[in-house]
Amino acid sequence: MSGVVPKISLGNLSQFRVAIISASWHEQICADLIAGARRALLEAKIEPEPVIFVPGSFELPLAAQLSLDSGFDAAVVLGVVLRGETPHFDYVCQGVTQGVMQVSLTRSKPIGFGVLTVDTVDQAIARSGASGSKEDKGFDSTVAALELLRVKRDLPVLRKS
C-alpha cells in the first residue's frame, strides 16, 4: 500500500533489542532495505545488531521466531518476492505473511514486515529506499515494529480484582 507515511516520533527506545533479518536473494535491494531499517533503529537510539541472513523470504518466519525466542524484543524481516511464471509467488507470499503473523502473535512480540511482494524489479527498487525511490519499506517496517514496542511498554498494567 502506498501513500503518505504517518509521522511517528520514536523517542528513546534504547532499552530494546531488535533483530534485522534479511533474505539473501536480490542482494542490492535487500541492502537498501537493511539501510532503512538501521536508520530507523538509530533514530530510536537502538544500536543495530549484526544482520541475520537467511537463504530466502520463506525462511524469514522461523528466523524471526528463533530471534525472538533468544531474547530479542522485536524483529524486522526484509526480503523480495518477485512474481514469476508459476504459482510459486503466491505460495511463498502466503507462507511468509502467515508465518510472520503467527510468530508475532504467539510470542506477543512485534515483527516489522518489510518483505516486498512485487511484479517487477523496478517496483522493488521503488520501494527499497534506494536513492530516488518513492518509498523506504525497510525504514517503515522498522518504525511499525518500534511503535508496537512503545505501545507494549506504555500499556497500563491491568490488575485482576
C-alpha atoms as a PDB file:
ATOM      1  CA  MET A   1       0.000   0.000   0.000  1.00  0.00           C
ATOM      2  CA  SER A   2       1.496   3.284  -0.980  1.00  0.00           C
ATOM      3  CA  GLY A   3       0.547   6.678   0.267  1.00  0.00           C
ATOM      4  CA  VAL A   4       1.569   9.230   2.817  1.00  0.00           C
ATOM      5  CA  VAL A   5       3.544   7.637   5.618  1.00  0.00           C
ATOM      6  CA  PRO A   6       2.301   8.668   9.062  1.00  0.00           C
ATOM      7  CA  LYS A   7       4.706  10.724  11.132  1.00  0.00           C
ATOM      8  CA  ILE A   8       5.715   8.778  14.231  1.00  0.00           C
ATOM      9  CA  SER A   9       8.119  10.196  16.783  1.00  0.00           C
ATOM     10  CA  LEU A  10      10.156   7.267  18.017  1.00  0.00           C
ATOM     11  CA  GLY A  11      11.794   8.787  21.054  1.00  0.00           C
ATOM     12  CA  ASN A  12      14.333   6.835  23.061  1.00  0.00           C
ATOM     13  CA  LEU A  13      13.796   3.081  22.834  1.00  0.00           C
ATOM     14  CA  SER A  14      17.387   2.171  23.663  1.00  0.00           C
ATOM     15  CA  GLN A  15      16.311  -0.459  26.198  1.00  0.00           C
ATOM     16  CA  PHE A  16      15.102  -2.737  23.373  1.00  0.00           C
ATOM     17  CA  ARG A  17      16.945  -5.219  21.153  1.00  0.00           C
ATOM     18  CA  VAL A  18      15.681  -5.580  17.595  1.00  0.00           C
ATOM     19  CA  ALA A  19      16.803  -8.270  15.142  1.00  0.00           C
ATOM     20  CA  ILE A  20      17.099  -7.335  11.484  1.00  0.00           C
ATOM     21  CA  ILE A  21      16.617 -10.457   9.379  1.00  0.00           C
ATOM     22  CA  SER A  22      17.138 -10.369   5.629  1.00  0.00           C
ATOM     23  CA  ALA A  23      16.684 -12.788   2.774  1.00  0.00           C
ATOM     24  CA  SER A  24      19.736 -13.240   0.565  1.00  0.00           C
ATOM     25  CA  TRP A  25      18.003 -13.009  -2.828  1.00  0.00           C
ATOM     26  CA  HIS A  26      18.078  -9.608  -4.589  1.00  0.00           C
ATOM     27  CA  GLU A  27      21.137  -8.564  -2.628  1.00  0.00           C
ATOM     28  CA  GLN A  28      21.224  -4.853  -3.541  1.00  0.00           C
ATOM     29  CA  ILE A  29      17.524  -4.311  -2.891  1.00  0.00           C
ATOM     30  CA  CYS A  30      17.832  -6.062   0.470  1.00  0.00           C
ATOM     31  CA  ALA A  31      20.908  -3.955   1.272  1.00  0.00           C
ATOM     32  CA  ASP A  32      18.806  -0.833   0.731  1.00  0.00           C
ATOM     33  CA  LEU A  33      16.028  -2.247   2.942  1.00  0.00           C
ATOM     34  CA  ILE A  34      18.615  -3.024   5.646  1.00  0.00           C
ATOM     35  CA  ALA A  35      19.972   0.527   5.449  1.00  0.00           C
ATOM     36  CA  GLY A  36      16.468   1.887   6.061  1.00  0.00           C
ATOM     37  CA  ALA A  37      15.919  -0.465   8.996  1.00  0.00           C
ATOM     38  CA  ARG A  38      19.225   0.563  10.581  1.00  0.00           C
ATOM     39  CA  ARG A  39      18.399   4.239  10.138  1.00  0.00           C
ATOM     40  CA  ALA A  40      15.088   3.760  11.975  1.00  0.00           C
ATOM     41  CA  LEU A  41      16.827   1.925  14.833  1.00  0.00           C
ATOM     42  CA  LEU A  42      19.392   4.686  15.175  1.00  0.00           C
ATOM     43  CA  GLU A  43      16.614   7.316  15.266  1.00  0.00           C
ATOM     44  CA  ALA A  44      15.152   5.369  18.206  1.00  0.00           C
ATOM     45  CA  LYS A  45      18.596   5.248  19.844  1.00  0.00           C
ATOM     46  CA  ILE A  46      18.844   1.473  19.391  1.00  0.00           C
ATOM     47  CA  GLU A  47      22.265   0.155  18.445  1.00  0.00           C
ATOM     48  CA  PRO A  48      21.752  -2.111  15.412  1.00  0.00           C
ATOM     49  CA  GLU A  49      22.876  -5.703  15.904  1.00  0.00           C
ATOM     50  CA  PRO A  50      24.518  -7.692  13.095  1.00  0.00           C
ATOM     51  CA  VAL A  51      22.027  -8.596  10.374  1.00  0.00           C
ATOM     52  CA  ILE A  52      20.838 -12.197  10.315  1.00  0.00           C
ATOM     53  CA  PHE A  53      20.798 -13.528   6.764  1.00  0.00           C
ATOM     54  CA  VAL A  54      18.640 -16.435   5.603  1.00  0.00           C
ATOM     55  CA  PRO A  55      18.516 -18.031   2.143  1.00  0.00           C
ATOM     56  CA  GLY A  56      15.171 -16.618   1.028  1.00  0.00           C
ATOM     57  CA  SER A  57      11.974 -14.971   2.193  1.00  0.00           C
ATOM     58  CA  PHE A  58      10.326 -18.291   3.022  1.00  0.00           C
ATOM     59  CA  GLU A  59      12.856 -18.760   5.833  1.00  0.00           C
ATOM     60  CA  LEU A  60      12.098 -15.402   7.470  1.00  0.00           C
ATOM     61  CA  PRO A  61       9.333 -16.562   9.875  1.00  0.00           C
ATOM     62  CA  LEU A  62      11.466 -19.250  11.501  1.00  0.00           C
ATOM     63  CA  ALA A  63      14.448 -16.914  11.778  1.00  0.00           C
ATOM     64  CA  ALA A  64      12.179 -14.337  13.429  1.00  0.00           C
ATOM     65  CA  GLN A  65      10.890 -16.955  15.856  1.00  0.00           C
ATOM     66  CA  LEU A  66      14.407 -18.079  16.749  1.00  0.00           C
ATOM     67  CA  SER A  67      15.465 -14.454  17.269  1.00  0.00           C
ATOM     68  CA  LEU A  68      12.515 -13.595  19.467  1.00  0.00           C
ATOM     69  CA  ASP A  69      12.924 -16.785  21.477  1.00  0.00           C
ATOM     70  CA  SER A  70      16.595 -15.974  22.031  1.00  0.00           C
ATOM     71  CA  GLY A  71      15.781 -12.659  23.726  1.00  0.00           C
ATOM     72  CA  PHE A  72      15.177 -10.030  21.052  1.00  0.00           C
ATOM     73  CA  ASP A  73      12.240  -7.739  21.850  1.00  0.00           C
ATOM     74  CA  ALA A  74      11.221  -7.361  18.208  1.00  0.00           C
ATOM     75  CA  ALA A  75      12.301  -8.364  14.729  1.00  0.00           C
ATOM     76  CA  VAL A  76      12.196  -6.828  11.284  1.00  0.00           C
ATOM     77  CA  VAL A  77      12.025  -9.179   8.314  1.00  0.00           C
ATOM     78  CA  LEU A  78      13.227  -7.954   4.936  1.00  0.00           C
ATOM     79  CA  GLY A  79      13.089  -9.596   1.546  1.00  0.00           C
ATOM     80  CA  VAL A  80      11.850  -9.514  -2.026  1.00  0.00           C
ATOM     81  CA  VAL A  81       9.440 -11.953  -3.626  1.00  0.00           C
ATOM     82  CA  LEU A  82       9.274 -11.364  -7.368  1.00  0.00           C
ATOM     83  CA  ARG A  83       6.326 -12.709  -9.348  1.00  0.00           C
ATOM     84  CA  GLY A  84       7.334 -15.308 -11.899  1.00  0.00           C
ATOM     85  CA  GLU A  85       5.503 -17.519 -14.346  1.00  0.00           C
ATOM     86  CA  THR A  86       4.323 -20.125 -11.831  1.00  0.00           C
ATOM     87  CA  PRO A  87       2.144 -20.111  -8.681  1.00  0.00           C
ATOM     88  CA  HIS A  88       5.334 -20.243  -6.567  1.00  0.00           C
ATOM     89  CA  PHE A  89       4.973 -16.498  -5.895  1.00  0.00           C
ATOM     90  CA  ASP A  90       1.532 -16.976  -4.324  1.00  0.00           C
ATOM     91  CA  TYR A  91       2.665 -19.834  -2.098  1.00  0.00           C
ATOM     92  CA  VAL A  92       5.772 -18.029  -0.880  1.00  0.00           C
ATOM     93  CA  CYS A  93       3.911 -14.759  -0.216  1.00  0.00           C
ATOM     94  CA  GLN A  94       1.140 -16.533   1.665  1.00  0.00           C
ATOM     95  CA  GLY A  95       3.555 -18.677   3.690  1.00  0.00           C
ATOM     96  CA  VAL A  96       5.777 -15.771   4.661  1.00  0.00           C
ATOM     97  CA  THR A  97       2.889 -13.492   5.596  1.00  0.00           C
ATOM     98  CA  GLN A  98       1.026 -16.090   7.636  1.00  0.00           C
ATOM     99  CA  GLY A  99       4.222 -17.375   9.232  1.00  0.00           C
ATOM    100  CA  VAL A 100       5.350 -13.938  10.348  1.00  0.00           C
ATOM    101  CA  MET A 101       1.915 -13.112  11.767  1.00  0.00           C
ATOM    102  CA  GLN A 102       1.744 -16.432  13.619  1.00  0.00           C
ATOM    103  CA  VAL A 103       5.169 -15.904  15.197  1.00  0.00           C
ATOM    104  CA  SER A 104       4.321 -12.348  16.227  1.00  0.00           C
ATOM    105  CA  LEU A 105       1.019 -13.318  17.809  1.00  0.00           C
ATOM    106  CA  THR A 106       2.254 -16.456  19.576  1.00  0.00           C
ATOM    107  CA  ARG A 107       5.278 -14.620  21.013  1.00  0.00           C
ATOM    108  CA  SER A 108       3.433 -11.332  21.714  1.00  0.00           C
ATOM    109  CA  LYS A 109       6.344  -9.521  20.134  1.00  0.00           C
ATOM    110  CA  PRO A 110       6.259  -7.205  17.125  1.00  0.00           C
ATOM    111  CA  ILE A 111       7.713  -8.094  13.758  1.00  0.00           C
ATOM    112  CA  GLY A 112       8.121  -5.378  11.161  1.00  0.00           C
ATOM    113  CA  PHE A 113       7.121  -6.744   7.751  1.00  0.00           C
ATOM    114  CA  GLY A 114       9.477  -5.388   5.112  1.00  0.00           C
ATOM    115  CA  VAL A 115       9.008  -8.100   2.507  1.00  0.00           C
ATOM    116  CA  LEU A 116       8.383  -6.601  -0.902  1.00  0.00           C
ATOM    117  CA  THR A 117       5.934  -8.668  -2.964  1.00  0.00           C
ATOM    118  CA  VAL A 118       6.216  -7.240  -6.453  1.00  0.00           C
ATOM    119  CA  ASP A 119       5.729  -7.951 -10.120  1.00  0.00           C
ATOM    120  CA  THR A 120       8.993  -6.376 -11.301  1.00  0.00           C
ATOM    121  CA  VAL A 121      12.451  -5.485 -10.045  1.00  0.00           C
ATOM    122  CA  ASP A 122      11.672  -1.826 -10.789  1.00  0.00           C
ATOM    123  CA  GLN A 123       8.722  -1.974  -8.370  1.00  0.00           C
ATOM    124  CA  ALA A 124      11.009  -3.404  -5.689  1.00  0.00           C
ATOM    125  CA  ILE A 125      13.628  -0.706  -6.229  1.00  0.00           C
ATOM    126  CA  ALA A 126      10.925   1.989  -5.987  1.00  0.00           C
ATOM    127  CA  ARG A 127      10.022   0.698  -2.506  1.00  0.00           C
ATOM    128  CA  SER A 128      13.507  -0.188  -1.256  1.00  0.00           C
ATOM    129  CA  GLY A 129      14.738   3.163  -0.023  1.00  0.00           C
ATOM    130  CA  ALA A 130      17.376   3.338  -2.755  1.00  0.00           C
ATOM    131  CA  SER A 131      18.380   6.782  -3.914  1.00  0.00           C
ATOM    132  CA  GLY A 132      15.432   8.242  -5.831  1.00  0.00           C
ATOM    133  CA  SER A 133      12.925   5.611  -4.671  1.00  0.00           C
ATOM    134  CA  LYS A 134       9.451   6.766  -3.664  1.00  0.00           C
ATOM    135  CA  GLU A 135       9.216   4.592  -0.548  1.00  0.00           C
ATOM    136  CA  ASP A 136      11.517   3.107   2.090  1.00  0.00           C
ATOM    137  CA  LYS A 137       9.905  -0.095   3.358  1.00  0.00           C
ATOM    138  CA  GLY A 138      12.958  -1.065   5.404  1.00  0.00           C
ATOM    139  CA  PHE A 139      12.569   2.126   7.416  1.00  0.00           C
ATOM    140  CA  ASP A 140       8.761   1.987   7.501  1.00  0.00           C
ATOM    141  CA  SER A 141       8.536  -1.644   8.649  1.00  0.00           C
ATOM    142  CA  THR A 142      11.069  -0.972  11.394  1.00  0.00           C
ATOM    143  CA  VAL A 143       9.150   2.072  12.583  1.00  0.00           C
ATOM    144  CA  ALA A 144       5.990  -0.068  12.744  1.00  0.00           C
ATOM    145  CA  ALA A 145       7.730  -2.650  14.963  1.00  0.00           C
ATOM    146  CA  LEU A 146       9.237   0.077  17.151  1.00  0.00           C
ATOM    147  CA  GLU A 147       5.896   1.784  17.580  1.00  0.00           C
ATOM    148  CA  LEU A 148       4.386  -1.504  18.771  1.00  0.00           C
ATOM    149  CA  LEU A 149       7.261  -1.883  21.237  1.00  0.00           C
ATOM    150  CA  ARG A 150       6.465   1.579  22.558  1.00  0.00           C
ATOM    151  CA  VAL A 151       2.751   0.743  22.814  1.00  0.00           C
ATOM    152  CA  LYS A 152       3.533  -2.502  24.643  1.00  0.00           C
ATOM    153  CA  ARG A 153       5.885  -0.722  27.046  1.00  0.00           C
ATOM    154  CA  ASP A 154       3.434   2.076  27.770  1.00  0.00           C
ATOM    155  CA  LEU A 155       0.250  -0.002  28.175  1.00  0.00           C
ATOM    156  CA  PRO A 156      -1.146   0.283  31.688  1.00  0.00           C
ATOM    157  CA  VAL A 157      -0.855  -2.885  33.706  1.00  0.00           C
ATOM    158  CA  LEU A 158      -4.300  -4.417  34.147  1.00  0.00           C
ATOM    159  CA  ARG A 159      -4.973  -5.768  37.600  1.00  0.00           C
ATOM    160  CA  LYS A 160      -7.411  -8.530  38.450  1.00  0.00           C
ATOM    161  CA  SER A 161      -9.893  -7.558  41.143  1.00  0.00           C
END
